[in-house]
Amino acid sequence: MPSKNNRFKKETKLEKVWKYFYKYAYAETLAVVSLLLFIGYAINPKDICLLNANLPYVIIILTIVTLFHGFESGVLALTVISLTMWFFYPTFHYISFLTFLLMVLLLSQFHYFWTTKIHKAEVEALYKSQKLSELSRAFYSLKISHDQLEKSYVVKPMSIRNSVYHILNLNEKIANNIKETEKQKKIHANLLQLLEKSFNLKVGHILYFKDMMKEKEETTEEDIDIVSIGTDEKREVKELLNDYIVDRSINKKLSVFISDDMGKPNTINEEQSKYLASIPALINNNIISIIVIEQMPFMFFNKEYLTSISILHEYFALETSKSIKLSHIHQIELIDNKEFQFEIFRMKNFYLKYKIHSALLVLRTPSELRVTRLMDKLQTLLRSLDIFHIAHYKEYYFITILLPMYDKTAAVGLANRLLSILKDKNDQKFDYMTFNIGQLELLEKYYKNNYEN
């Protein structure tokens, strides 16, 4: 979300330079090779490529270009040098050409494996960070619910978590049935209603992206909308973004509120802000919505309540993001678990974007008892990141196991380990099949035993 100084998304100078290098890789390659040929021509017009020099300048240039930009740039540089050798030398230096070609092939292979390894490490770290963040939000939402229930049990028994789940169920129906233009407005209006009932929010607003599926490097005010509660006066997006509290919250990507000298929330506003607090929700370190509190009773305006609102906001934003993303993709019919569907969606995105493989292992059996016994054994074999889902279609039960960032060989290994610890021959009577994350259509055919298409 943009602030008045466009500080919503900032890149460091190093990131800008790195991005520029990758964006103009071919131009840089041609510039570097041209510089080499220009220097070579200035030194010795008969040896433009400096093939007879004491140092292997061509190999040095090819090494730098290929290691930095990869196979395509290395081949481009070698092509320019080879054409120069063909037209400006009396005889073509075949030995030198083959040496250069061998260097490009070796170095490009090293570049490929190195970048692949880095991407995989980055994706694994990102995925583990996301899962930890999701579990933390779920845990704290449960804790908030318990605390709220304990405090108000006598006068008003309630559960914040149940209220959140009720609203999330409504939001899921909205995500699947309501028109795109009204979807986000209704979803965030539900959240404001929860805050009004549970935290005595009198006047509040939410700034949010109109389209969660759209990814932009820069965001404009036209991409953002606002929904309010407790007031009939219409607030403009620009007005909120230019406010001191909201602007500072966007800059820091943290909750910001009016406070006294001790750092405690205080409704006495000395910063000339129209609002008391600004609470952003972040997914992958990107702000996707901001709660702006305008009026709230001073007895409820404290760190405990603001922290609870912040945690619920992020939990709500995460679950809503999942529902909206799932409503835009093809879902596997027999998998009715939203979390499992979303993990498949996320792993497929990793595969399409980074070529990071994930595998699915499906165990098929007609016996419900065998499914229960197999699950008892599987629990001891699965990693903490592995998840499973049990589906039933006609006479078969299917145990589907997702192995994030592992290939099919790992799935086969898991099946073999399972078979090795099953002592009862009756437990071993099941079929299994492994799938890459890109073979979801084949997975659906396996579920339905469809050999016709």
Protein backbone atom coordinates (compact mmCIF):
# COMPACT_ATOMS: atom_id res chain seq x y z
CA MET A 1 0.00 0.00 0.00
CA PRO A 2 1.54 3.29 -1.02
CA SER A 3 2.23 6.07 1.39
CA LYS A 4 2.70 9.69 0.45
CA ASN A 5 6.39 9.04 -0.17
CA ASN A 6 5.89 5.72 -1.98
CA ARG A 7 7.58 3.87 0.84
CA PHE A 8 5.43 0.79 0.83
CA LYS A 9 8.01 -1.26 -1.09
CA LYS A 10 11.65 -0.21 -0.88
CA GLU A 11 14.63 -1.91 -2.46
CA THR A 12 18.19 -1.52 -1.28
CA LYS A 13 20.81 -0.25 -3.70
CA LEU A 14 22.40 -3.69 -3.83
CA GLU A 15 19.05 -5.27 -4.74
CA LYS A 16 18.51 -2.69 -7.49
CA VAL A 17 21.97 -3.30 -8.96
CA TRP A 18 21.50 -7.09 -8.76
CA LYS A 19 18.09 -6.84 -10.43
CA TYR A 20 19.51 -4.57 -13.17
CA PHE A 21 22.32 -7.04 -13.93
CA TYR A 22 19.89 -9.92 -14.35
CA LYS A 23 17.43 -7.87 -16.39
CA TYR A 24 20.03 -6.85 -18.97
CA ALA A 25 22.18 -10.00 -18.96
CA TYR A 26 22.58 -10.25 -22.73
CA ALA A 27 23.39 -6.55 -23.11
CA GLU A 28 26.04 -6.83 -20.41
CA THR A 29 27.50 -9.92 -22.05
CA LEU A 30 27.80 -8.15 -25.40
CA ALA A 31 29.29 -5.09 -23.69
CA VAL A 32 31.94 -7.12 -21.85
CA VAL A 33 32.92 -9.12 -24.95
CA SER A 34 32.97 -5.96 -27.09
CA LEU A 35 35.26 -4.31 -24.54
CA LEU A 36 37.63 -7.30 -24.74
CA LEU A 37 37.69 -7.14 -28.56
CA PHE A 38 38.17 -3.37 -28.52
CA ILE A 39 41.14 -3.66 -26.15
CA GLY A 40 42.52 -6.54 -28.22
CA TYR A 41 42.24 -4.50 -31.42
CA ALA A 42 43.97 -1.53 -29.76
CA ILE A 43 46.84 -3.75 -28.58
CA ASN A 44 47.24 -5.93 -31.66
CA PRO A 45 44.85 -5.64 -34.66
CA LYS A 46 46.04 -9.04 -35.89
CA ASP A 47 45.15 -10.76 -32.58
CA ILE A 48 41.84 -9.16 -31.60
CA CYS A 49 40.86 -11.96 -29.21
CA LEU A 50 44.30 -11.91 -27.52
CA LEU A 51 44.72 -15.62 -28.18
CA ASN A 52 48.51 -15.31 -28.18
CA ALA A 53 48.73 -13.29 -24.98
CA ASN A 54 50.42 -14.64 -21.86
CA LEU A 55 47.11 -14.70 -19.96
CA PRO A 56 43.97 -16.53 -21.20
CA TYR A 57 41.80 -13.41 -21.38
CA VAL A 58 39.02 -15.09 -23.33
CA ILE A 59 38.70 -17.87 -20.74
CA ILE A 60 38.60 -15.27 -17.94
CA ILE A 61 35.77 -13.36 -19.67
CA LEU A 62 33.84 -16.55 -20.44
CA THR A 63 34.24 -17.70 -16.83
CA ILE A 64 32.88 -14.44 -15.43
CA VAL A 65 29.96 -14.25 -17.86
CA THR A 66 28.95 -17.93 -17.58
CA LEU A 67 29.21 -18.16 -13.80
CA PHE A 68 27.24 -14.97 -13.33
CA HIS A 69 24.53 -15.33 -16.00
CA GLY A 70 24.54 -18.99 -17.02
CA PHE A 71 24.58 -21.07 -20.19
CA GLU A 72 22.73 -18.68 -22.55
CA SER A 73 25.03 -15.73 -21.87
CA GLY A 74 28.10 -17.98 -22.08
CA VAL A 75 27.03 -19.28 -25.51
CA LEU A 76 26.30 -15.72 -26.69
CA ALA A 77 29.78 -14.59 -25.64
CA LEU A 78 31.38 -17.65 -27.26
CA THR A 79 29.42 -17.04 -30.49
CA VAL A 80 30.67 -13.46 -30.79
CA ILE A 81 34.26 -14.53 -30.08
CA SER A 82 34.01 -17.44 -32.54
CA LEU A 83 32.71 -15.18 -35.33
CA THR A 84 35.56 -12.78 -34.63
CA MET A 85 38.05 -15.66 -34.84
CA TRP A 86 36.45 -16.79 -38.13
CA PHE A 87 36.53 -13.40 -39.89
CA PHE A 88 39.64 -11.70 -38.44
CA TYR A 89 42.16 -14.54 -38.24
CA PRO A 90 43.93 -16.19 -41.20
CA THR A 91 42.96 -19.64 -39.90
CA PHE A 92 40.26 -20.64 -37.49
CA HIS A 93 41.69 -21.71 -34.11
CA TYR A 94 39.83 -24.99 -33.64
CA ILE A 95 41.75 -26.00 -30.52
CA SER A 96 41.05 -22.68 -28.84
CA PHE A 97 37.37 -22.86 -29.86
CA LEU A 98 36.95 -26.37 -28.42
CA THR A 99 38.71 -25.31 -25.22
CA PHE A 100 36.38 -22.32 -24.86
CA LEU A 101 33.33 -24.48 -25.60
CA LEU A 102 34.36 -27.03 -22.98
CA MET A 103 34.83 -24.26 -20.41
CA VAL A 104 31.38 -22.80 -21.14
CA LEU A 105 29.71 -26.21 -20.81
CA LEU A 106 31.45 -27.02 -17.52
CA LEU A 107 30.90 -23.61 -15.98
CA SER A 108 27.27 -23.42 -17.06
CA GLN A 109 26.64 -26.79 -15.43
CA PHE A 110 28.20 -25.51 -12.21
CA HIS A 111 26.07 -22.34 -12.45
CA TYR A 112 22.92 -24.45 -12.93
CA PHE A 113 23.54 -26.71 -9.93
CA TRP A 114 24.63 -23.82 -7.72
CA THR A 115 21.60 -21.61 -8.49
CA THR A 116 19.26 -24.60 -8.18
CA LYS A 117 20.69 -25.40 -4.77
CA ILE A 118 20.35 -21.77 -3.65
CA HIS A 119 16.74 -21.59 -4.89
CA LYS A 120 15.85 -24.80 -3.11
CA ALA A 121 17.41 -23.59 0.14
CA GLU A 122 15.55 -20.27 -0.15
CA VAL A 123 12.23 -21.97 -0.87
CA GLU A 124 12.67 -24.43 2.01
CA ALA A 125 13.49 -21.58 4.39
CA LEU A 126 10.52 -19.58 3.12
CA TYR A 127 8.15 -22.53 3.43
CA LYS A 128 9.28 -23.38 6.97
CA SER A 129 8.99 -19.72 7.96
CA GLN A 130 5.46 -19.56 6.53
CA LYS A 131 4.38 -22.73 8.32
CA LEU A 132 5.84 -21.50 11.62
CA SER A 133 4.07 -18.17 11.20
CA GLU A 134 0.75 -19.88 10.38
CA LEU A 135 0.98 -22.21 13.37
CA SER A 136 1.95 -19.32 15.66
CA ARG A 137 -1.07 -17.30 14.59
CA ALA A 138 -3.36 -20.27 15.07
CA PHE A 139 -1.91 -20.90 18.53
CA TYR A 140 -2.27 -17.28 19.66
CA SER A 141 -5.81 -17.06 18.31
CA LEU A 142 -6.63 -20.08 20.49
CA LYS A 143 -4.93 -18.43 23.48
CA ILE A 144 -6.87 -15.20 22.93
CA SER A 145 -10.09 -17.19 22.73
CA HIS A 146 -9.29 -18.97 26.00
CA ASP A 147 -8.40 -15.74 27.81
CA GLN A 148 -11.52 -13.99 26.57
CA LEU A 149 -13.69 -16.93 27.58
CA GLU A 150 -12.12 -17.05 31.02
CA LYS A 151 -12.62 -13.32 31.64
CA SER A 152 -16.23 -13.10 30.50
CA TYR A 153 -17.48 -16.57 31.38
CA VAL A 154 -19.92 -15.41 34.07
CA VAL A 155 -21.58 -12.52 32.23
CA LYS A 156 -21.11 -13.38 28.56
CA PRO A 157 -19.81 -16.85 27.63
CA MET A 158 -18.13 -16.58 24.24
CA SER A 159 -15.28 -17.88 22.15
CA ILE A 160 -13.29 -15.62 19.85
CA ARG A 161 -11.98 -18.65 17.97
CA ASN A 162 -15.50 -19.88 17.28
CA SER A 163 -16.44 -16.40 16.07
CA VAL A 164 -13.41 -16.34 13.79
CA TYR A 165 -14.25 -19.76 12.37
CA HIS A 166 -17.85 -18.67 11.84
CA ILE A 167 -16.68 -15.63 9.90
CA LEU A 168 -14.11 -17.64 7.94
CA ASN A 169 -16.85 -20.06 6.90
CA LEU A 170 -18.93 -17.10 5.72
CA ASN A 171 -15.90 -15.74 3.88
CA GLU A 172 -15.32 -19.05 2.15
CA LYS A 173 -18.88 -18.96 0.79
CA ILE A 174 -18.32 -15.35 -0.26
CA ALA A 175 -15.06 -16.28 -2.02
CA ASN A 176 -16.83 -18.97 -4.03
CA ASN A 177 -20.14 -17.28 -4.78
CA ILE A 178 -19.95 -13.48 -4.66
CA LYS A 179 -18.88 -11.26 -7.56
CA GLU A 180 -15.19 -10.30 -7.57
CA THR A 181 -15.86 -6.59 -7.01
CA GLU A 182 -17.90 -7.19 -3.82
CA LYS A 183 -15.91 -10.12 -2.46
CA GLN A 184 -13.21 -8.25 -0.55
CA LYS A 185 -15.58 -5.61 0.83
CA LYS A 186 -17.91 -8.19 2.39
CA ILE A 187 -15.02 -10.26 3.77
CA HIS A 188 -13.40 -7.33 5.58
CA ALA A 189 -16.75 -6.00 6.78
CA ASN A 190 -17.17 -9.34 8.60
CA LEU A 191 -13.84 -8.81 10.37
CA LEU A 192 -14.82 -5.31 11.50
CA GLN A 193 -18.08 -6.69 12.90
CA LEU A 194 -16.11 -9.24 14.94
CA LEU A 195 -13.86 -6.48 16.32
CA GLU A 196 -16.90 -4.35 17.13
CA LYS A 197 -18.55 -7.15 19.13
CA SER A 198 -15.47 -8.60 20.81
CA PHE A 199 -13.18 -5.60 21.37
CA ASN A 200 -15.62 -2.67 21.57
CA LEU A 201 -14.34 -1.02 18.41
CA LYS A 202 -16.55 2.04 17.85
CA VAL A 203 -15.22 3.50 14.59
CA GLY A 204 -12.73 1.63 12.46
CA HIS A 205 -11.56 1.11 8.89
CA ILE A 206 -9.71 -1.51 6.88
CA LEU A 207 -7.51 -0.72 3.87
CA TYR A 208 -7.13 -3.77 1.63
CA PHE A 209 -6.06 -4.88 -1.83
CA LYS A 210 -8.98 -5.20 -4.22
CA ASP A 211 -7.41 -8.25 -5.86
CA MET A 212 -5.30 -10.58 -3.69
CA MET A 213 -4.37 -12.71 -6.69
CA LYS A 214 -2.66 -9.83 -8.47
CA GLU A 215 1.05 -9.43 -7.76
CA LYS A 216 2.59 -6.04 -8.53
CA GLU A 217 6.05 -4.66 -7.88
CA GLU A 218 4.51 -1.24 -7.19
CA THR A 219 1.06 -0.51 -5.83
CA THR A 220 -1.09 2.52 -6.53
CA GLU A 221 -4.08 3.94 -4.67
CA GLU A 222 -6.37 2.54 -7.37
CA ASP A 223 -5.42 -0.99 -6.22
CA ILE A 224 -6.65 -0.32 -2.67
CA ASP A 225 -10.16 0.01 -1.27
CA ILE A 226 -11.59 0.81 2.14
CA VAL A 227 -14.43 -0.52 4.30
CA SER A 228 -15.59 1.19 7.50
CA ILE A 229 -17.77 0.54 10.53
CA GLY A 230 -19.38 2.88 13.07
CA THR A 231 -19.61 5.93 10.80
CA ASP A 232 -21.64 7.13 7.83
CA GLU A 233 -18.88 9.50 6.68
CA LYS A 234 -16.94 8.15 3.74
CA ARG A 235 -13.17 8.13 4.19
CA GLU A 236 -10.85 8.41 1.20
CA VAL A 237 -7.98 5.98 0.76
CA LYS A 238 -5.53 8.84 0.20
CA GLU A 239 -6.65 10.52 3.42
CA LEU A 240 -5.81 7.44 5.50
CA LEU A 241 -2.53 6.72 3.71
CA ASN A 242 -1.29 10.27 4.32
CA ASP A 243 -2.09 10.15 8.03
CA TYR A 244 0.95 10.13 10.32
CA ILE A 245 0.00 6.94 12.21
CA VAL A 246 -0.90 4.94 9.08
CA ASP A 247 2.12 6.18 7.14
CA ARG A 248 4.50 5.23 9.94
CA SER A 249 2.86 1.81 10.27
CA ILE A 250 3.40 1.19 6.54
CA ASN A 251 7.04 2.25 6.75
CA LYS A 252 7.85 0.03 9.71
CA LYS A 253 5.45 -2.79 8.77
CA LEU A 254 4.47 -2.82 12.44
CA SER A 255 1.49 -1.81 14.55
CA VAL A 256 1.66 1.87 15.52
CA PHE A 257 -0.58 3.52 18.12
CA ILE A 258 -0.88 6.73 20.10
CA SER A 259 0.96 6.27 23.40
CA ASP A 260 1.98 8.17 26.49
CA ASP A 261 5.54 8.82 27.76
CA MET A 262 5.68 5.28 29.17
CA GLY A 263 4.88 3.74 25.77
CA LYS A 264 1.37 2.66 26.82
CA PRO A 265 -1.61 3.22 24.51
CA ASN A 266 -3.24 6.56 25.21
CA THR A 267 -6.28 8.16 23.58
CA ILE A 268 -4.77 11.65 24.09
CA ASN A 269 -3.52 12.38 20.59
CA GLU A 270 -0.42 14.57 20.54
CA GLU A 271 0.69 13.59 17.03
CA GLN A 272 -2.17 15.45 15.31
CA SER A 273 -3.36 12.16 13.84
CA LYS A 274 -7.05 11.53 13.24
CA TYR A 275 -6.63 7.90 14.28
CA LEU A 276 -5.58 6.02 17.40
CA ALA A 277 -3.84 2.99 15.90
CA SER A 278 -2.81 1.36 12.63
CA ILE A 279 -2.44 -2.43 12.59
CA PRO A 280 -1.11 -4.10 9.39
CA ALA A 281 -1.41 -7.76 8.42
CA LEU A 282 1.62 -9.23 6.66
CA ILE A 283 1.96 -12.31 4.49
CA ASN A 284 5.51 -13.12 3.31
CA ASN A 285 6.56 -9.73 4.71
CA ASN A 286 4.12 -7.90 2.42
CA ILE A 287 1.28 -5.80 3.82
CA ILE A 288 -2.05 -6.99 2.46
CA SER A 289 -4.44 -5.05 4.71
CA ILE A 290 -4.40 -2.48 7.53
CA ILE A 291 -6.87 -1.99 10.37
CA VAL A 292 -7.16 1.68 11.33
CA ILE A 293 -8.79 2.39 14.71
CA GLU A 294 -10.49 5.79 14.87
CA GLN A 295 -12.58 5.52 18.04
CA MET A 296 -12.29 3.02 20.89
CA PRO A 297 -13.17 3.36 24.62
CA PHE A 298 -10.03 4.18 26.62
CA MET A 299 -10.60 1.20 28.96
CA PHE A 300 -10.25 -1.16 26.01
CA PHE A 301 -7.44 0.77 24.30
CA ASN A 302 -4.51 -1.11 25.82
CA LYS A 303 -1.62 -3.30 24.67
CA GLU A 304 -3.42 -6.53 25.48
CA TYR A 305 -6.39 -5.69 23.28
CA LEU A 306 -4.24 -4.23 20.50
CA THR A 307 -2.03 -7.32 20.50
CA SER A 308 -5.09 -9.55 20.33
CA ILE A 309 -6.51 -7.51 17.43
CA SER A 310 -3.16 -7.71 15.61
CA ILE A 311 -2.91 -11.49 15.97
CA LEU A 312 -6.52 -12.05 14.92
CA HIS A 313 -6.04 -9.70 11.97
CA GLU A 314 -3.05 -11.65 10.67
CA TYR A 315 -4.73 -15.00 11.27
CA PHE A 316 -7.86 -13.77 9.53
CA ALA A 317 -5.85 -12.33 6.60
CA LEU A 318 -3.94 -15.57 6.14
CA GLU A 319 -7.06 -17.75 6.14
CA THR A 320 -8.90 -15.35 3.85
CA SER A 321 -5.97 -15.29 1.44
CA LYS A 322 -6.06 -19.09 1.31
CA SER A 323 -9.80 -19.16 0.57
CA ILE A 324 -9.55 -16.57 -2.19
CA LYS A 325 -6.56 -18.23 -3.84
CA LEU A 326 -8.23 -21.64 -3.72
CA SER A 327 -11.38 -20.19 -5.29
CA HIS A 328 -9.29 -19.21 -8.35
CA ILE A 329 -7.68 -22.59 -9.01
CA HIS A 330 -8.82 -26.03 -10.06
CA GLN A 331 -9.31 -28.10 -6.91
CA ILE A 332 -9.09 -31.88 -6.73
CA GLU A 333 -12.65 -33.06 -6.24
CA LEU A 334 -12.03 -35.86 -3.73
CA ILE A 335 -9.84 -33.71 -1.46
CA ASP A 336 -12.25 -31.78 0.76
CA ASN A 337 -9.62 -30.48 3.19
CA LYS A 338 -8.86 -26.80 2.50
CA GLU A 339 -5.46 -26.90 4.22
CA PHE A 340 -4.35 -29.88 2.14
CA GLN A 341 -5.61 -28.24 -1.06
CA PHE A 342 -3.71 -25.06 -0.21
CA GLU A 343 -0.46 -26.91 0.47
CA ILE A 344 -0.77 -28.63 -2.92
CA PHE A 345 -1.40 -25.23 -4.51
CA ARG A 346 1.63 -23.74 -2.75
CA MET A 347 3.93 -26.62 -3.71
CA LYS A 348 2.76 -26.43 -7.33
CA ASN A 349 3.58 -22.71 -7.36
CA PHE A 350 7.07 -23.48 -6.04
CA TYR A 351 7.47 -26.04 -8.82
CA LEU A 352 6.29 -23.65 -11.57
CA LYS A 353 8.36 -20.75 -10.27
CA TYR A 354 11.55 -22.40 -9.00
CA LYS A 355 11.37 -25.95 -10.41
CA ILE A 356 11.44 -27.27 -6.83
CA HIS A 357 9.89 -30.73 -6.91
CA SER A 358 7.40 -32.12 -4.41
CA ALA A 359 5.90 -35.61 -4.42
CA LEU A 360 2.58 -37.25 -3.62
CA LEU A 361 2.32 -40.82 -2.39
CA VAL A 362 -1.14 -42.39 -2.62
CA LEU A 363 -2.00 -45.66 -0.85
CA ARG A 364 -5.17 -47.38 -2.10
CA THR A 365 -7.07 -50.09 -0.22
CA PRO A 366 -10.71 -51.28 -0.02
CA SER A 367 -10.50 -51.88 3.77
CA GLU A 368 -11.33 -49.13 6.26
CA LEU A 369 -9.65 -51.15 9.03
CA ARG A 370 -6.46 -51.39 6.96
CA VAL A 371 -6.50 -47.61 6.52
CA THR A 372 -6.56 -47.15 10.30
CA ARG A 373 -3.70 -49.62 10.83
CA LEU A 374 -1.64 -48.04 8.04
CA MET A 375 -2.08 -44.57 9.55
CA ASP A 376 -0.80 -45.84 12.92
CA LYS A 377 2.42 -46.92 11.24
CA LEU A 378 2.70 -43.89 8.98
CA GLN A 379 2.63 -41.49 11.92
CA THR A 380 6.08 -42.73 12.95
CA LEU A 381 7.54 -42.32 9.44
CA LEU A 382 6.30 -38.88 8.39
CA ARG A 383 8.39 -35.74 8.76
CA SER A 384 6.97 -32.72 10.57
CA LEU A 385 6.30 -30.99 7.22
CA ASP A 386 4.61 -34.01 5.61
CA ILE A 387 0.81 -33.92 5.61
CA PHE A 388 -1.82 -36.46 4.63
CA HIS A 389 -5.47 -36.70 3.65
CA ILE A 390 -7.85 -39.68 3.58
CA ALA A 391 -10.45 -39.81 0.78
CA HIS A 392 -13.12 -42.36 -0.06
CA TYR A 393 -14.45 -43.05 -3.56
CA LYS A 394 -16.71 -45.99 -4.38
CA GLU A 395 -15.10 -49.15 -2.94
CA TYR A 396 -11.63 -47.66 -2.28
CA TYR A 397 -10.01 -45.60 0.44
CA PHE A 398 -7.06 -43.34 -0.52
CA ILE A 399 -4.36 -42.14 1.86
CA THR A 400 -2.69 -39.22 0.06
CA ILE A 401 0.62 -38.02 1.52
CA LEU A 402 2.25 -34.77 0.40
CA LEU A 403 6.05 -34.68 0.71
CA PRO A 404 7.02 -31.01 0.31
CA MET A 405 10.25 -30.40 -1.65
CA TYR A 406 11.01 -34.11 -2.08
CA ASP A 407 10.99 -35.98 -5.40
CA LYS A 408 9.30 -39.27 -6.32
CA THR A 409 12.26 -41.37 -5.15
CA ALA A 410 11.58 -40.14 -1.59
CA ALA A 411 7.92 -41.18 -1.95
CA VAL A 412 8.96 -44.65 -3.16
CA GLY A 413 11.39 -44.87 -0.23
CA LEU A 414 8.59 -44.00 2.21
CA ALA A 415 6.37 -46.72 0.72
CA ASN A 416 9.19 -49.28 1.00
CA ARG A 417 9.88 -48.32 4.63
CA LEU A 418 6.19 -48.68 5.39
CA LEU A 419 6.10 -52.14 3.84
CA SER A 420 9.20 -53.17 5.78
CA ILE A 421 7.66 -52.39 9.19
CA LEU A 422 4.32 -54.05 8.44
CA LYS A 423 4.57 -57.54 9.96
CA ASP A 424 1.00 -58.63 9.24
CA LYS A 425 0.56 -59.73 5.60
CA ASN A 426 -3.02 -58.47 5.63
CA ASP A 427 -1.72 -54.94 6.27
CA GLN A 428 0.52 -55.20 3.21
CA LYS A 429 -2.42 -55.70 0.86
CA PHE A 430 -2.62 -52.24 -0.66
CA ASP A 431 -1.65 -50.58 -3.92
CA TYR A 432 0.40 -47.42 -4.07
CA MET A 433 1.43 -44.92 -6.70
CA THR A 434 3.67 -41.87 -6.66
CA PHE A 435 3.11 -38.56 -8.46
CA ASN A 436 5.08 -35.39 -9.05
CA ILE A 437 3.35 -32.18 -8.01
CA GLY A 438 2.84 -31.40 -11.70
CA GLN A 439 0.80 -34.59 -12.26
CA LEU A 440 -2.40 -33.58 -10.47
CA GLU A 441 -4.63 -34.50 -13.40
CA LEU A 442 -3.12 -37.98 -13.36
CA LEU A 443 -3.75 -38.13 -9.61
CA GLU A 444 -7.47 -37.44 -10.16
CA LYS A 445 -7.64 -40.22 -12.74
CA TYR A 446 -6.02 -42.61 -10.26
CA TYR A 447 -8.65 -41.67 -7.65
CA LYS A 448 -11.46 -42.46 -10.05
CA ASN A 449 -9.75 -45.46 -11.67
CA ASN A 450 -10.10 -43.66 -15.02
CA TYR A 451 -8.08 -45.46 -17.70
CA GLU A 452 -10.18 -44.17 -20.60
CA ASN A 453 -8.74 -40.65 -20.92
